[in-house]
Amino acid sequence: MTLSDVAELTCLSWDTAKTITKTHLAKDYGKPALRGVRYLGIDEIHLGKKTRFYTIVLDLEDGRILWAKPGRGKAALQGFWRRLHVAKAKIKAVATDMSAAYWSAVLEHLPDAVLVFDKFHILKLMNERLDDLRREMVREAEGPLKLKIKGTRFLLLRNPKNLTGDQIPKLDEALRLNEPLLLGWYLKEELRELWNQTSRKQMEAFLNDWCDKAGQTGIGQMLKMAKTLRTHASGILAYADHRITTGKLEGINNKIKTLTKRSYGFHDENFFILKLLSLHHSKYKLLG
């Protein structure tokens, strides 16, 4: 129930209902237990308003939010590392994106933990490179070809398994008429297989082979992607030893969106953070 509903049901004021709720949340969730945590996921969420980002730290084993602070990068993690040290948590590995803002903080404060660059952020970056290529092809194309390529963004970036029967021929035609786009699309799809390799040695061989293929295309966007993957190879290949991703944060993201819609926003930041810390025990439904 919303606070307004609770206040009406109990004949209390809205402020009293909020104070009781906030006190309960602070007692039960204000200081999440960190001692037994082994795997962390670090990412940022965007709440729809300009510059309104929150940095989230997740326990990848039980799905708890362990830390939530406004902002992004190192500054948003200040305080968390001290709590982790005091709890004597033995962190084995941390999944994060390839942004130096997060992984540099992990290397500084958790030198014994393995850094794993997140699969989904890498695939997202690959999609961005392919979309850059598509836009370039649209600018260079003329006549009917321009129209056929212009409307293919969704088709190119979506997993082929999720395309409908009438969408596949449209994608096939656009790819057939544009070789650079075809090569980029094949590389995008092939990259998904990197995380299906069964050992670090196989992953490394696959990654090197993929980067060589990308380099042979001569396509600027693919060359950039190959360079990025080679630069971050150590963290990418660490997945072979610690198969973790920040994928659970996607489910958390959906819960947060439902929470904020249901509450029409939060003006008390501390109250909002306590709500985030309790999300793993919460079930929200949009009613009415």
C-alpha atoms as a PDB file:
ATOM      1  CA  MET A   1       0.000   0.000   0.000  1.00  0.00           C
ATOM      2  CA  THR A   2       1.045   3.591  -0.498  1.00  0.00           C
ATOM      3  CA  LEU A   3       1.674   5.770   2.545  1.00  0.00           C
ATOM      4  CA  SER A   4      -1.492   7.694   1.736  1.00  0.00           C
ATOM      5  CA  ASP A   5      -3.514   4.469   1.791  1.00  0.00           C
ATOM      6  CA  VAL A   6      -1.957   3.397   5.090  1.00  0.00           C
ATOM      7  CA  ALA A   7      -2.609   6.816   6.637  1.00  0.00           C
ATOM      8  CA  GLU A   8      -6.253   6.715   5.557  1.00  0.00           C
ATOM      9  CA  LEU A   9      -6.750   3.130   6.792  1.00  0.00           C
ATOM     10  CA  THR A  10      -5.170   3.764  10.213  1.00  0.00           C
ATOM     11  CA  CYS A  11      -6.504   7.316  10.687  1.00  0.00           C
ATOM     12  CA  LEU A  12      -2.935   8.537  11.096  1.00  0.00           C
ATOM     13  CA  SER A  13      -1.381  11.509   9.398  1.00  0.00           C
ATOM     14  CA  TRP A  14       0.743  10.904   6.290  1.00  0.00           C
ATOM     15  CA  ASP A  15       3.837  12.167   8.158  1.00  0.00           C
ATOM     16  CA  THR A  16       3.241   9.745  11.036  1.00  0.00           C
ATOM     17  CA  ALA A  17       2.823   6.802   8.653  1.00  0.00           C
ATOM     18  CA  LYS A  18       6.027   7.765   6.885  1.00  0.00           C
ATOM     19  CA  THR A  19       7.968   8.160  10.152  1.00  0.00           C
ATOM     20  CA  ILE A  20       6.878   4.727  11.369  1.00  0.00           C
ATOM     21  CA  THR A  21       7.768   3.138   8.011  1.00  0.00           C
ATOM     22  CA  LYS A  22      11.126   4.905   7.804  1.00  0.00           C
ATOM     23  CA  THR A  23      12.029   3.875  11.357  1.00  0.00           C
ATOM     24  CA  HIS A  24      11.199   0.238  10.559  1.00  0.00           C
ATOM     25  CA  LEU A  25      13.211   0.300   7.325  1.00  0.00           C
ATOM     26  CA  ALA A  26      16.225   1.874   9.032  1.00  0.00           C
ATOM     27  CA  LYS A  27      16.152  -0.787  11.771  1.00  0.00           C
ATOM     28  CA  ASP A  28      15.822  -3.781   9.434  1.00  0.00           C
ATOM     29  CA  TYR A  29      17.687  -2.645   6.316  1.00  0.00           C
ATOM     30  CA  GLY A  30      19.723   0.461   7.183  1.00  0.00           C
ATOM     31  CA  LYS A  31      22.957  -1.498   7.621  1.00  0.00           C
ATOM     32  CA  PRO A  32      22.986  -4.579   5.361  1.00  0.00           C
ATOM     33  CA  ALA A  33      25.101  -7.485   6.647  1.00  0.00           C
ATOM     34  CA  LEU A  34      28.317  -7.715   4.617  1.00  0.00           C
ATOM     35  CA  ARG A  35      30.354 -10.367   6.389  1.00  0.00           C
ATOM     36  CA  GLY A  36      29.436 -13.356   4.205  1.00  0.00           C
ATOM     37  CA  VAL A  37      29.329 -11.528   0.877  1.00  0.00           C
ATOM     38  CA  ARG A  38      31.560 -13.056  -1.820  1.00  0.00           C
ATOM     39  CA  TYR A  39      30.457 -11.636  -5.186  1.00  0.00           C
ATOM     40  CA  LEU A  40      29.577  -8.012  -5.911  1.00  0.00           C
ATOM     41  CA  GLY A  41      27.953  -6.301  -8.875  1.00  0.00           C
ATOM     42  CA  ILE A  42      28.422  -2.542  -9.317  1.00  0.00           C
ATOM     43  CA  ASP A  43      26.386  -0.474 -11.733  1.00  0.00           C
ATOM     44  CA  GLU A  44      24.495   2.772 -12.070  1.00  0.00           C
ATOM     45  CA  ILE A  45      20.783   3.343 -12.552  1.00  0.00           C
ATOM     46  CA  HIS A  46      19.146   6.330 -14.160  1.00  0.00           C
ATOM     47  CA  LEU A  47      15.840   7.537 -12.746  1.00  0.00           C
ATOM     48  CA  GLY A  48      14.734   9.487 -15.782  1.00  0.00           C
ATOM     49  CA  LYS A  49      15.653  12.983 -14.734  1.00  0.00           C
ATOM     50  CA  LYS A  50      18.710  14.806 -16.002  1.00  0.00           C
ATOM     51  CA  THR A  51      21.890  13.913 -14.072  1.00  0.00           C
ATOM     52  CA  ARG A  52      19.874  11.851 -11.559  1.00  0.00           C
ATOM     53  CA  PHE A  53      21.992   8.733 -11.291  1.00  0.00           C
ATOM     54  CA  TYR A  54      22.392   6.305  -8.412  1.00  0.00           C
ATOM     55  CA  THR A  55      25.278   3.893  -7.924  1.00  0.00           C
ATOM     56  CA  ILE A  56      24.102   0.454  -6.798  1.00  0.00           C
ATOM     57  CA  VAL A  57      26.175  -2.350  -5.259  1.00  0.00           C
ATOM     58  CA  LEU A  58      24.488  -5.744  -5.369  1.00  0.00           C
ATOM     59  CA  ASP A  59      25.179  -9.051  -3.653  1.00  0.00           C
ATOM     60  CA  LEU A  60      25.157 -11.273  -6.740  1.00  0.00           C
ATOM     61  CA  GLU A  61      24.352 -14.404  -4.770  1.00  0.00           C
ATOM     62  CA  ASP A  62      21.195 -13.373  -2.906  1.00  0.00           C
ATOM     63  CA  GLY A  63      20.162 -10.272  -4.878  1.00  0.00           C
ATOM     64  CA  ARG A  64      20.350  -7.805  -1.976  1.00  0.00           C
ATOM     65  CA  ILE A  65      21.211  -4.163  -2.610  1.00  0.00           C
ATOM     66  CA  LEU A  66      24.120  -3.516  -0.266  1.00  0.00           C
ATOM     67  CA  TRP A  67      24.767   0.120  -1.124  1.00  0.00           C
ATOM     68  CA  ALA A  68      22.858   2.859  -2.920  1.00  0.00           C
ATOM     69  CA  LYS A  69      24.055   6.422  -3.250  1.00  0.00           C
ATOM     70  CA  PRO A  70      23.276   9.309  -5.612  1.00  0.00           C
ATOM     71  CA  GLY A  71      25.899   9.980  -8.258  1.00  0.00           C
ATOM     72  CA  ARG A  72      28.214   7.783 -10.254  1.00  0.00           C
ATOM     73  CA  GLY A  73      31.866   6.771 -10.152  1.00  0.00           C
ATOM     74  CA  LYS A  74      34.331   6.624  -7.255  1.00  0.00           C
ATOM     75  CA  ALA A  75      32.703   9.381  -5.218  1.00  0.00           C
ATOM     76  CA  ALA A  76      29.414   7.472  -4.976  1.00  0.00           C
ATOM     77  CA  LEU A  77      31.222   4.483  -3.427  1.00  0.00           C
ATOM     78  CA  GLN A  78      32.907   6.400  -0.623  1.00  0.00           C
ATOM     79  CA  GLY A  79      31.961   4.837   2.680  1.00  0.00           C
ATOM     80  CA  PHE A  80      31.130   1.440   1.217  1.00  0.00           C
ATOM     81  CA  TRP A  81      34.719   0.221   1.180  1.00  0.00           C
ATOM     82  CA  ARG A  82      35.196   1.080   4.857  1.00  0.00           C
ATOM     83  CA  ARG A  83      32.032  -0.855   5.805  1.00  0.00           C
ATOM     84  CA  LEU A  84      33.233  -3.806   3.743  1.00  0.00           C
ATOM     85  CA  HIS A  85      36.606  -3.747   5.520  1.00  0.00           C
ATOM     86  CA  VAL A  86      35.030  -3.487   8.977  1.00  0.00           C
ATOM     87  CA  ALA A  87      32.773  -6.468   8.167  1.00  0.00           C
ATOM     88  CA  LYS A  88      35.876  -8.463   7.116  1.00  0.00           C
ATOM     89  CA  ALA A  89      34.091  -9.586   3.969  1.00  0.00           C
ATOM     90  CA  LYS A  90      36.154 -11.816   1.702  1.00  0.00           C
ATOM     91  CA  ILE A  91      35.215 -10.691  -1.787  1.00  0.00           C
ATOM     92  CA  LYS A  92      36.185 -13.174  -4.496  1.00  0.00           C
ATOM     93  CA  ALA A  93      35.109 -11.231  -7.586  1.00  0.00           C
ATOM     94  CA  VAL A  94      33.355  -8.049  -8.693  1.00  0.00           C
ATOM     95  CA  ALA A  95      31.363  -7.562 -11.884  1.00  0.00           C
ATOM     96  CA  THR A  96      31.261  -4.069 -13.355  1.00  0.00           C
ATOM     97  CA  ASP A  97      31.322  -2.272 -16.687  1.00  0.00           C
ATOM     98  CA  MET A  98      34.500  -1.160 -18.435  1.00  0.00           C
ATOM     99  CA  SER A  99      34.260   2.384 -17.111  1.00  0.00           C
ATOM    100  CA  ALA A 100      37.448   3.301 -15.273  1.00  0.00           C
ATOM    101  CA  ALA A 101      35.350   5.131 -12.681  1.00  0.00           C
ATOM    102  CA  TYR A 102      34.269   1.827 -11.122  1.00  0.00           C
ATOM    103  CA  TRP A 103      36.977  -0.700 -11.898  1.00  0.00           C
ATOM    104  CA  SER A 104      39.772   1.586 -10.713  1.00  0.00           C
ATOM    105  CA  ALA A 105      37.980   1.892  -7.361  1.00  0.00           C
ATOM    106  CA  VAL A 106      37.673  -1.908  -7.160  1.00  0.00           C
ATOM    107  CA  LEU A 107      41.396  -2.388  -7.855  1.00  0.00           C
ATOM    108  CA  GLU A 108      42.273   0.217  -5.235  1.00  0.00           C
ATOM    109  CA  HIS A 109      40.078  -1.076  -2.415  1.00  0.00           C
ATOM    110  CA  LEU A 110      39.805  -4.799  -3.227  1.00  0.00           C
ATOM    111  CA  PRO A 111      43.247  -5.722  -4.608  1.00  0.00           C
ATOM    112  CA  ASP A 112      42.704  -9.442  -3.925  1.00  0.00           C
ATOM    113  CA  ALA A 113      39.338  -9.634  -5.719  1.00  0.00           C
ATOM    114  CA  VAL A 114      39.030 -10.637  -9.383  1.00  0.00           C
ATOM    115  CA  LEU A 115      37.627  -7.949 -11.651  1.00  0.00           C
ATOM    116  CA  VAL A 116      35.089  -9.261 -14.187  1.00  0.00           C
ATOM    117  CA  PHE A 117      33.900  -6.969 -16.958  1.00  0.00           C
ATOM    118  CA  ASP A 118      30.193  -7.433 -17.402  1.00  0.00           C
ATOM    119  CA  LYS A 119      28.969  -9.377 -20.428  1.00  0.00           C
ATOM    120  CA  PHE A 120      25.843  -7.285 -20.951  1.00  0.00           C
ATOM    121  CA  HIS A 121      27.696  -3.964 -20.942  1.00  0.00           C
ATOM    122  CA  ILE A 122      30.116  -5.328 -23.547  1.00  0.00           C
ATOM    123  CA  LEU A 123      27.253  -6.478 -25.792  1.00  0.00           C
ATOM    124  CA  LYS A 124      25.582  -3.107 -25.298  1.00  0.00           C
ATOM    125  CA  LEU A 125      28.773  -1.366 -26.436  1.00  0.00           C
ATOM    126  CA  MET A 126      28.888  -3.637 -29.494  1.00  0.00           C
ATOM    127  CA  ASN A 127      25.312  -2.639 -30.313  1.00  0.00           C
ATOM    128  CA  GLU A 128      26.300   1.019 -30.066  1.00  0.00           C
ATOM    129  CA  ARG A 129      29.196   0.470 -32.471  1.00  0.00           C
ATOM    130  CA  LEU A 130      26.892  -1.296 -34.935  1.00  0.00           C
ATOM    131  CA  ASP A 131      24.354   1.510 -34.671  1.00  0.00           C
ATOM    132  CA  ASP A 132      27.103   4.050 -35.365  1.00  0.00           C
ATOM    133  CA  LEU A 133      27.942   2.076 -38.499  1.00  0.00           C
ATOM    134  CA  ARG A 134      24.268   2.001 -39.529  1.00  0.00           C
ATOM    135  CA  ARG A 135      23.987   5.780 -39.202  1.00  0.00           C
ATOM    136  CA  GLU A 136      27.138   6.208 -41.277  1.00  0.00           C
ATOM    137  CA  MET A 137      25.700   3.932 -43.970  1.00  0.00           C
ATOM    138  CA  VAL A 138      22.446   5.918 -43.964  1.00  0.00           C
ATOM    139  CA  ARG A 139      24.356   9.167 -44.520  1.00  0.00           C
ATOM    140  CA  GLU A 140      26.282   7.670 -47.442  1.00  0.00           C
ATOM    141  CA  ALA A 141      23.394   5.768 -49.082  1.00  0.00           C
ATOM    142  CA  GLU A 142      21.130   7.189 -51.756  1.00  0.00           C
ATOM    143  CA  GLY A 143      17.639   6.468 -53.073  1.00  0.00           C
ATOM    144  CA  PRO A 144      15.818   3.235 -52.111  1.00  0.00           C
ATOM    145  CA  LEU A 145      18.879   1.829 -50.326  1.00  0.00           C
ATOM    146  CA  LYS A 146      18.853   4.765 -47.886  1.00  0.00           C
ATOM    147  CA  LEU A 147      15.239   4.010 -46.941  1.00  0.00           C
ATOM    148  CA  LYS A 148      15.891   0.292 -46.488  1.00  0.00           C
ATOM    149  CA  ILE A 149      18.809   0.886 -44.097  1.00  0.00           C
ATOM    150  CA  LYS A 150      17.266   3.817 -42.225  1.00  0.00           C
ATOM    151  CA  GLY A 151      14.499   1.772 -40.648  1.00  0.00           C
ATOM    152  CA  THR A 152      16.584  -1.198 -39.540  1.00  0.00           C
ATOM    153  CA  ARG A 153      17.971  -0.030 -36.192  1.00  0.00           C
ATOM    154  CA  PHE A 154      15.619  -2.174 -34.127  1.00  0.00           C
ATOM    155  CA  LEU A 155      16.107  -5.191 -36.406  1.00  0.00           C
ATOM    156  CA  LEU A 156      19.903  -4.948 -36.321  1.00  0.00           C
ATOM    157  CA  LEU A 157      20.258  -4.635 -32.559  1.00  0.00           C
ATOM    158  CA  ARG A 158      17.665  -7.152 -31.452  1.00  0.00           C
ATOM    159  CA  ASN A 159      18.508 -10.800 -30.866  1.00  0.00           C
ATOM    160  CA  PRO A 160      17.481 -12.656 -34.077  1.00  0.00           C
ATOM    161  CA  LYS A 161      15.645 -15.220 -31.931  1.00  0.00           C
ATOM    162  CA  ASN A 162      13.204 -12.495 -30.908  1.00  0.00           C
ATOM    163  CA  LEU A 163      12.408 -11.256 -34.436  1.00  0.00           C
ATOM    164  CA  THR A 164       8.994 -12.025 -35.877  1.00  0.00           C
ATOM    165  CA  GLY A 165       8.443 -13.781 -39.220  1.00  0.00           C
ATOM    166  CA  ASP A 166       7.762 -10.558 -41.132  1.00  0.00           C
ATOM    167  CA  GLN A 167      10.807  -8.754 -39.650  1.00  0.00           C
ATOM    168  CA  ILE A 168      13.409 -11.301 -40.754  1.00  0.00           C
ATOM    169  CA  PRO A 169      13.038 -10.678 -44.546  1.00  0.00           C
ATOM    170  CA  LYS A 170      13.414  -6.908 -43.960  1.00  0.00           C
ATOM    171  CA  LEU A 171      16.644  -7.465 -42.056  1.00  0.00           C
ATOM    172  CA  ASP A 172      17.933  -9.935 -44.673  1.00  0.00           C
ATOM    173  CA  GLU A 173      17.317  -7.463 -47.488  1.00  0.00           C
ATOM    174  CA  ALA A 174      19.042  -4.564 -45.708  1.00  0.00           C
ATOM    175  CA  LEU A 175      22.076  -6.733 -44.924  1.00  0.00           C
ATOM    176  CA  ARG A 176      22.234  -8.142 -48.455  1.00  0.00           C
ATOM    177  CA  LEU A 177      22.392  -4.649 -49.937  1.00  0.00           C
ATOM    178  CA  ASN A 178      25.131  -3.353 -47.616  1.00  0.00           C
ATOM    179  CA  GLU A 179      28.300  -5.385 -47.061  1.00  0.00           C
ATOM    180  CA  PRO A 180      29.816  -3.330 -44.174  1.00  0.00           C
ATOM    181  CA  LEU A 181      26.525  -3.585 -42.286  1.00  0.00           C
ATOM    182  CA  LEU A 182      26.385  -7.314 -42.967  1.00  0.00           C
ATOM    183  CA  LEU A 183      29.913  -7.843 -41.620  1.00  0.00           C
ATOM    184  CA  GLY A 184      29.178  -5.751 -38.543  1.00  0.00           C
ATOM    185  CA  TRP A 185      25.967  -7.665 -37.844  1.00  0.00           C
ATOM    186  CA  TYR A 186      27.686 -11.043 -38.152  1.00  0.00           C
ATOM    187  CA  LEU A 187      30.430  -9.911 -35.775  1.00  0.00           C
ATOM    188  CA  LYS A 188      27.819  -8.699 -33.305  1.00  0.00           C
ATOM    189  CA  GLU A 189      26.061 -12.045 -33.321  1.00  0.00           C
ATOM    190  CA  GLU A 190      29.309 -14.006 -33.133  1.00  0.00           C
ATOM    191  CA  LEU A 191      30.493 -12.031 -30.110  1.00  0.00           C
ATOM    192  CA  ARG A 192      27.612 -13.473 -28.062  1.00  0.00           C
ATOM    193  CA  GLU A 193      29.331 -16.855 -28.244  1.00  0.00           C
ATOM    194  CA  LEU A 194      32.382 -15.604 -26.344  1.00  0.00           C
ATOM    195  CA  TRP A 195      30.712 -16.302 -22.986  1.00  0.00           C
ATOM    196  CA  ASN A 196      29.636 -19.802 -24.045  1.00  0.00           C
ATOM    197  CA  GLN A 197      33.223 -21.053 -24.196  1.00  0.00           C
ATOM    198  CA  THR A 198      34.000 -23.671 -21.567  1.00  0.00           C
ATOM    199  CA  SER A 199      37.480 -22.589 -20.447  1.00  0.00           C
ATOM    200  CA  ARG A 200      39.668 -19.514 -20.201  1.00  0.00           C
ATOM    201  CA  LYS A 201      41.933 -20.878 -22.931  1.00  0.00           C
ATOM    202  CA  GLN A 202      38.987 -21.276 -25.303  1.00  0.00           C
ATOM    203  CA  MET A 203      37.683 -17.819 -24.423  1.00  0.00           C
ATOM    204  CA  GLU A 204      41.064 -16.269 -25.121  1.00  0.00           C
ATOM    205  CA  ALA A 205      41.388 -18.046 -28.482  1.00  0.00           C
ATOM    206  CA  PHE A 206      37.850 -17.007 -29.428  1.00  0.00           C
ATOM    207  CA  LEU A 207      38.439 -13.384 -28.402  1.00  0.00           C
ATOM    208  CA  ASN A 208      41.699 -13.129 -30.361  1.00  0.00           C
ATOM    209  CA  ASP A 209      40.071 -14.692 -33.408  1.00  0.00           C
ATOM    210  CA  TRP A 210      37.125 -12.296 -33.189  1.00  0.00           C
ATOM    211  CA  CYS A 211      39.398  -9.255 -32.901  1.00  0.00           C
ATOM    212  CA  ASP A 212      41.418 -10.451 -35.905  1.00  0.00           C
ATOM    213  CA  LYS A 213      38.224 -10.780 -37.966  1.00  0.00           C
ATOM    214  CA  ALA A 214      37.055  -7.333 -36.874  1.00  0.00           C
ATOM    215  CA  GLY A 215      40.424  -5.875 -37.888  1.00  0.00           C
ATOM    216  CA  GLN A 216      40.280  -7.521 -41.302  1.00  0.00           C
ATOM    217  CA  THR A 217      36.980  -5.789 -42.131  1.00  0.00           C
ATOM    218  CA  GLY A 218      38.679  -2.389 -42.177  1.00  0.00           C
ATOM    219  CA  ILE A 219      35.488  -0.879 -40.714  1.00  0.00           C
ATOM    220  CA  GLY A 220      36.291   1.905 -38.273  1.00  0.00           C
ATOM    221  CA  GLN A 221      33.637   0.993 -35.713  1.00  0.00           C
ATOM    222  CA  MET A 222      34.723  -2.652 -35.681  1.00  0.00           C
ATOM    223  CA  LEU A 223      38.377  -1.655 -35.308  1.00  0.00           C
ATOM    224  CA  LYS A 224      37.431   0.462 -32.267  1.00  0.00           C
ATOM    225  CA  MET A 225      35.526  -2.421 -30.738  1.00  0.00           C
ATOM    226  CA  ALA A 226      38.407  -4.838 -31.256  1.00  0.00           C
ATOM    227  CA  LYS A 227      40.824  -2.366 -29.651  1.00  0.00           C
ATOM    228  CA  THR A 228      38.537  -1.981 -26.632  1.00  0.00           C
ATOM    229  CA  LEU A 229      38.226  -5.741 -26.181  1.00  0.00           C
ATOM    230  CA  ARG A 230      41.978  -6.302 -26.431  1.00  0.00           C
ATOM    231  CA  THR A 231      42.622  -3.507 -23.918  1.00  0.00           C
ATOM    232  CA  HIS A 232      40.189  -5.011 -21.406  1.00  0.00           C
ATOM    233  CA  ALA A 233      40.892  -8.667 -22.204  1.00  0.00           C
ATOM    234  CA  SER A 234      42.001  -9.604 -18.685  1.00  0.00           C
ATOM    235  CA  GLY A 235      38.704  -8.556 -17.099  1.00  0.00           C
ATOM    236  CA  ILE A 236      36.678 -10.093 -19.918  1.00  0.00           C
ATOM    237  CA  LEU A 237      38.441 -13.456 -19.707  1.00  0.00           C
ATOM    238  CA  ALA A 238      38.034 -13.492 -15.903  1.00  0.00           C
ATOM    239  CA  TYR A 239      34.466 -14.620 -16.597  1.00  0.00           C
ATOM    240  CA  ALA A 240      35.861 -18.099 -17.291  1.00  0.00           C
ATOM    241  CA  ASP A 241      36.837 -18.411 -13.608  1.00  0.00           C
ATOM    242  CA  HIS A 242      33.980 -16.415 -12.054  1.00  0.00           C
ATOM    243  CA  ARG A 243      30.829 -16.607 -14.161  1.00  0.00           C
ATOM    244  CA  ILE A 244      29.134 -13.518 -12.805  1.00  0.00           C
ATOM    245  CA  THR A 245      27.357 -10.618 -14.497  1.00  0.00           C
ATOM    246  CA  THR A 246      25.355  -7.598 -13.368  1.00  0.00           C
ATOM    247  CA  GLY A 247      22.283  -9.102 -15.031  1.00  0.00           C
ATOM    248  CA  LYS A 248      20.385  -9.233 -11.714  1.00  0.00           C
ATOM    249  CA  LEU A 249      20.467  -5.448 -11.673  1.00  0.00           C
ATOM    250  CA  GLU A 250      18.086  -5.432 -14.639  1.00  0.00           C
ATOM    251  CA  GLY A 251      15.405  -7.032 -12.475  1.00  0.00           C
ATOM    252  CA  ILE A 252      16.217  -4.568  -9.698  1.00  0.00           C
ATOM    253  CA  ASN A 253      15.890  -1.741 -12.211  1.00  0.00           C
ATOM    254  CA  ASN A 254      12.353  -2.823 -13.070  1.00  0.00           C
ATOM    255  CA  LYS A 255      11.431  -2.926  -9.380  1.00  0.00           C
ATOM    256  CA  ILE A 256      12.871   0.554  -8.857  1.00  0.00           C
ATOM    257  CA  LYS A 257      10.877   1.949 -11.795  1.00  0.00           C
ATOM    258  CA  THR A 258       7.699   0.422 -10.394  1.00  0.00           C
ATOM    259  CA  LEU A 259       8.504   1.788  -6.931  1.00  0.00           C
ATOM    260  CA  THR A 260       9.063   5.340  -8.192  1.00  0.00           C
ATOM    261  CA  LYS A 261       5.942   5.302 -10.392  1.00  0.00           C
ATOM    262  CA  ARG A 262       3.830   3.965  -7.567  1.00  0.00           C
ATOM    263  CA  SER A 263       5.125   6.606  -5.170  1.00  0.00           C
ATOM    264  CA  TYR A 264       5.120   9.493  -7.674  1.00  0.00           C
ATOM    265  CA  GLY A 265       8.740  10.167  -6.774  1.00  0.00           C
ATOM    266  CA  PHE A 266      10.575  10.654  -3.465  1.00  0.00           C
ATOM    267  CA  HIS A 267      11.466  14.007  -1.909  1.00  0.00           C
ATOM    268  CA  ASP A 268      13.279  12.397   1.041  1.00  0.00           C
ATOM    269  CA  GLU A 269      16.478  10.883  -0.350  1.00  0.00           C
ATOM    270  CA  ASN A 270      17.270   8.862   2.796  1.00  0.00           C
ATOM    271  CA  PHE A 271      13.792   7.338   2.721  1.00  0.00           C
ATOM    272  CA  PHE A 272      14.240   6.438  -0.945  1.00  0.00           C
ATOM    273  CA  ILE A 273      17.593   4.737  -0.254  1.00  0.00           C
ATOM    274  CA  LEU A 274      16.049   2.715   2.589  1.00  0.00           C
ATOM    275  CA  LYS A 275      13.314   1.629   0.177  1.00  0.00           C
ATOM    276  CA  LEU A 276      16.006   0.478  -2.260  1.00  0.00           C
ATOM    277  CA  LEU A 277      17.816  -1.499   0.436  1.00  0.00           C
ATOM    278  CA  SER A 278      14.580  -3.356   1.221  1.00  0.00           C
ATOM    279  CA  LEU A 279      13.663  -4.133  -2.402  1.00  0.00           C
ATOM    280  CA  HIS A 280      14.684  -7.795  -2.254  1.00  0.00           C
ATOM    281  CA  HIS A 281      11.883  -8.362   0.284  1.00  0.00           C
ATOM    282  CA  SER A 282       9.346  -6.184  -1.535  1.00  0.00           C
ATOM    283  CA  LYS A 283       6.676  -6.983  -4.075  1.00  0.00           C
ATOM    284  CA  TYR A 284       5.169  -4.063  -5.920  1.00  0.00           C
ATOM    285  CA  LYS A 285       2.113  -3.939  -8.121  1.00  0.00           C
ATOM    286  CA  LEU A 286       0.719  -0.918  -9.898  1.00  0.00           C
ATOM    287  CA  LEU A 287      -2.943  -0.766  -8.984  1.00  0.00           C
ATOM    288  CA  GLY A 288      -5.813   1.472 -10.035  1.00  0.00           C
END
